Amino acid sequence: MLFDVVRVAFWILEVLIIARVFLSWFRPWQANPLFQFVYDLTEPILGPVRRLMPPVGGLDFSPLVALLLLYLVESLVLQALRGLAI
């Protein structure tokens, strides 16, 4: 039960980061409540990554790095939860 909740929470966060990448292409939509919702949920993850890794050649790779880090953390957390279930 807890395993599934954690897995779904990580999946939602990953989808929101991907959605933010697509929404970033539409700057006039920033006043949109959906954009603000996605921004508010993803900025705590993307902000620190962006500070550690500045844009390269004008491209922001922080979403890619954040997704890779999320996959790593998700794997570790899910392995720990599996260990608790045994």
Protein backbone atom coordinates (compact mmCIF):
# COMPACT_ATOMS: atom_id res chain seq x y z
CA MET A 1 0.00 0.00 0.00
CA LEU A 2 2.63 2.55 1.06
CA PHE A 3 4.88 1.28 -1.73
CA ASP A 4 2.20 2.09 -4.34
CA VAL A 5 1.49 5.53 -2.87
CA VAL A 6 5.18 6.47 -2.96
CA ARG A 7 5.55 5.13 -6.51
CA VAL A 8 2.57 7.14 -7.72
CA ALA A 9 3.80 10.28 -5.93
CA PHE A 10 7.16 10.05 -7.72
CA TRP A 11 5.39 9.43 -11.03
CA ILE A 12 3.20 12.51 -10.56
CA LEU A 13 6.24 14.61 -9.76
CA GLU A 14 8.02 13.33 -12.86
CA VAL A 15 5.00 14.13 -15.03
CA LEU A 16 4.79 17.63 -13.53
CA ILE A 17 8.43 18.30 -14.36
CA ILE A 18 7.87 17.20 -17.95
CA ALA A 19 4.71 19.33 -18.10
CA ARG A 20 6.70 22.32 -16.86
CA VAL A 21 9.18 21.87 -19.70
CA PHE A 22 6.35 21.98 -22.23
CA LEU A 23 4.58 24.86 -20.49
CA SER A 24 7.82 26.87 -20.47
CA TRP A 25 7.52 27.15 -24.23
CA PHE A 26 4.36 29.26 -23.78
CA ARG A 27 5.47 32.30 -21.79
CA PRO A 28 2.14 34.21 -22.10
CA TRP A 29 0.50 31.42 -20.14
CA GLN A 30 2.50 32.12 -16.96
CA ALA A 31 -0.48 33.95 -15.44
CA ASN A 32 -2.54 30.79 -15.96
CA PRO A 33 -3.41 29.02 -12.67
CA LEU A 34 -2.38 25.65 -14.15
CA PHE A 35 1.08 26.99 -15.01
CA GLN A 36 1.40 28.48 -11.52
CA PHE A 37 0.33 25.18 -9.93
CA VAL A 38 2.93 23.21 -11.91
CA TYR A 39 5.58 25.86 -11.20
CA ASP A 40 4.87 25.87 -7.44
CA LEU A 41 5.15 22.08 -7.21
CA THR A 42 8.31 21.73 -9.31
CA GLU A 43 10.36 24.78 -8.31
CA PRO A 44 11.53 23.28 -4.98
CA ILE A 45 13.25 20.57 -7.03
CA LEU A 46 14.32 22.50 -10.12
CA GLY A 47 15.52 25.63 -8.29
CA PRO A 48 18.38 23.99 -6.37
CA VAL A 49 19.41 21.94 -9.42
CA ARG A 50 19.45 25.11 -11.52
CA ARG A 51 21.63 26.90 -8.96
CA LEU A 52 24.15 24.04 -9.01
CA MET A 53 24.09 23.70 -12.77
CA PRO A 54 23.79 26.92 -14.77
CA PRO A 55 22.45 26.89 -18.37
CA VAL A 56 24.85 25.49 -20.94
CA GLY A 57 24.81 27.29 -24.26
CA GLY A 58 21.53 28.94 -23.34
CA LEU A 59 19.84 25.61 -22.64
CA ASP A 60 18.47 24.69 -19.23
CA PHE A 61 19.25 21.06 -18.46
CA SER A 62 17.94 21.24 -14.89
CA PRO A 63 14.72 19.30 -15.68
CA LEU A 64 16.76 16.46 -17.16
CA VAL A 65 19.13 16.38 -14.18
CA ALA A 66 16.18 16.63 -11.77
CA LEU A 67 14.44 13.70 -13.47
CA LEU A 68 17.59 11.60 -13.26
CA LEU A 69 17.97 12.45 -9.57
CA LEU A 70 14.30 11.67 -8.96
CA TYR A 71 14.67 8.27 -10.63
CA LEU A 72 17.67 7.54 -8.40
CA VAL A 73 15.90 8.65 -5.20
CA GLU A 74 12.76 6.77 -6.21
CA SER A 75 14.76 3.60 -6.74
CA LEU A 76 16.45 3.92 -3.35
CA VAL A 77 13.21 4.70 -1.52
CA LEU A 78 11.31 1.86 -3.18
CA GLN A 79 14.12 -0.60 -2.42
CA ALA A 80 14.04 0.50 1.21
CA LEU A 81 10.27 0.04 1.32
CA ARG A 82 10.59 -3.43 -0.22
CA GLY A 83 13.14 -4.27 2.48
CA LEU A 84 10.71 -3.20 5.18
CA ALA A 85 7.96 -5.40 3.75
CA ILE A 86 10.05 -8.58 4.02
